Amino acid sequence: MAELTAAQIAAARERGKLHRALHPMALAVRYDRKAERIVVELSNGATFAFPPALVEGLAGASENDLADVEVIAAGEGLHWERLDADYQIAGLLDGVVALDAIAGE
């Protein structure tokens, strides 16, 4: 196995910081029954909430199934065991925000 230099380690850390800044990760997720929204706390301090009806595989699911959600892949995804559904945070942000922009036109 090759040894890494201090410069390579520093460069990798900088790439990691840039990636985290550009691609927020999920820190926590829950289903808000009152608001009927999936709520995701992101690593950049933002909160992202969306109605399950906007996401294929979540539309029509029961509240109990929606509430059984967890953060996976070091914050890069969400997993619903009961629904056998996995989604990437980046994809949800892109897809739901894009749908919202189209609907607002």
Protein backbone atom coordinates (compact mmCIF):
# COMPACT_ATOMS: atom_id res chain seq x y z
CA MET A 1 0.00 0.00 0.00
CA ALA A 2 1.35 3.42 -0.94
CA GLU A 3 1.97 5.98 1.77
CA LEU A 4 0.18 9.30 1.50
CA THR A 5 2.12 12.51 1.81
CA ALA A 6 1.08 15.36 4.07
CA ALA A 7 0.28 17.39 0.95
CA GLN A 8 -2.00 14.65 -0.42
CA ILE A 9 -3.83 14.40 2.90
CA ALA A 10 -4.27 18.17 3.06
CA ALA A 11 -5.56 18.24 -0.53
CA ALA A 12 -8.03 15.44 0.23
CA ARG A 13 -9.31 17.33 3.28
CA GLU A 14 -9.82 20.45 1.18
CA ARG A 15 -11.74 18.44 -1.46
CA GLY A 16 -13.88 17.02 1.33
CA LYS A 17 -14.67 20.48 2.70
CA LEU A 18 -15.61 21.72 -0.76
CA HIS A 19 -17.80 18.66 -1.38
CA ARG A 20 -19.63 19.14 1.96
CA ALA A 21 -20.16 22.83 1.20
CA LEU A 22 -21.63 22.13 -2.24
CA HIS A 23 -23.53 18.95 -1.31
CA PRO A 24 -25.20 19.14 2.10
CA MET A 25 -25.70 15.86 3.93
CA ALA A 26 -28.66 14.76 6.00
CA LEU A 27 -28.05 14.91 9.73
CA ALA A 28 -31.56 13.86 10.76
CA VAL A 29 -34.91 12.99 9.18
CA ARG A 30 -38.46 12.61 10.45
CA TYR A 31 -42.02 12.55 9.22
CA ASP A 32 -44.09 15.49 10.52
CA ARG A 33 -47.61 14.06 10.76
CA LYS A 34 -49.26 17.42 11.40
CA ALA A 35 -47.65 19.13 8.38
CA GLU A 36 -47.67 15.91 6.31
CA ARG A 37 -44.05 16.50 5.30
CA ILE A 38 -40.76 14.65 5.38
CA VAL A 39 -38.36 16.96 7.24
CA VAL A 40 -34.61 16.68 6.66
CA GLU A 41 -32.05 18.60 8.72
CA LEU A 42 -29.03 19.31 6.52
CA SER A 43 -25.37 19.72 7.39
CA ASN A 44 -25.33 23.30 6.05
CA GLY A 45 -27.88 24.41 8.67
CA ALA A 46 -30.84 24.35 6.29
CA THR A 47 -34.00 22.33 6.75
CA PHE A 48 -35.61 20.70 3.73
CA ALA A 49 -39.25 19.59 3.93
CA PHE A 50 -41.38 18.05 1.22
CA PRO A 51 -44.73 16.30 0.84
CA PRO A 52 -44.33 12.56 0.22
CA ALA A 53 -46.74 12.78 -2.71
CA LEU A 54 -43.95 14.41 -4.76
CA VAL A 55 -41.74 11.34 -4.53
CA GLU A 56 -42.46 8.12 -6.38
CA GLY A 57 -42.57 5.29 -3.88
CA LEU A 58 -43.67 7.50 -1.01
CA ALA A 59 -46.95 8.76 -2.46
CA GLY A 60 -49.88 7.01 -0.81
CA ALA A 61 -47.77 5.44 1.95
CA SER A 62 -49.22 5.27 5.46
CA GLU A 63 -48.08 7.71 8.14
CA ASN A 64 -46.48 4.84 10.07
CA ASP A 65 -44.53 3.73 7.01
CA LEU A 66 -43.40 7.29 6.30
CA ALA A 67 -42.30 7.75 9.91
CA ASP A 68 -40.06 4.67 9.71
CA VAL A 69 -37.23 6.54 7.98
CA GLU A 70 -33.51 6.76 8.65
CA VAL A 71 -30.43 8.56 7.37
CA ILE A 72 -28.03 6.24 5.52
CA ALA A 73 -24.73 6.37 3.63
CA ALA A 74 -23.09 8.91 5.96
CA GLY A 75 -25.88 11.41 5.31
CA GLU A 76 -26.06 11.01 1.55
CA GLY A 77 -29.37 9.16 1.56
CA LEU A 78 -32.64 8.29 3.26
CA HIS A 79 -34.06 4.80 3.72
CA TRP A 80 -37.61 3.58 4.35
CA GLU A 81 -37.34 -0.07 5.41
CA ARG A 82 -41.08 -0.82 5.25
CA LEU A 83 -41.38 0.71 1.79
CA ASP A 84 -38.12 -0.78 0.48
CA ALA A 85 -37.25 2.73 -0.69
CA ASP A 86 -33.92 4.58 -0.78
CA TYR A 87 -33.33 8.11 -2.04
CA GLN A 88 -30.23 10.27 -2.39
CA ILE A 89 -30.37 13.68 -0.73
CA ALA A 90 -28.97 15.36 -3.86
CA GLY A 91 -31.64 13.73 -6.00
CA LEU A 92 -34.43 14.76 -3.64
CA LEU A 93 -33.18 18.32 -3.52
CA ASP A 94 -32.83 18.48 -7.30
CA GLY A 95 -36.11 16.73 -8.06
CA VAL A 96 -38.40 18.33 -5.52
CA VAL A 97 -36.98 21.81 -5.94
CA ALA A 98 -37.19 21.47 -9.74
CA LEU A 99 -40.81 20.28 -9.50
CA ASP A 100 -41.61 23.23 -7.26
CA ALA A 101 -40.02 25.65 -9.73
CA ILE A 102 -41.96 24.18 -12.65
CA ALA A 103 -45.25 24.34 -10.71
CA GLY A 104 -44.58 27.98 -9.84
CA GLU A 105 -44.25 29.08 -13.47
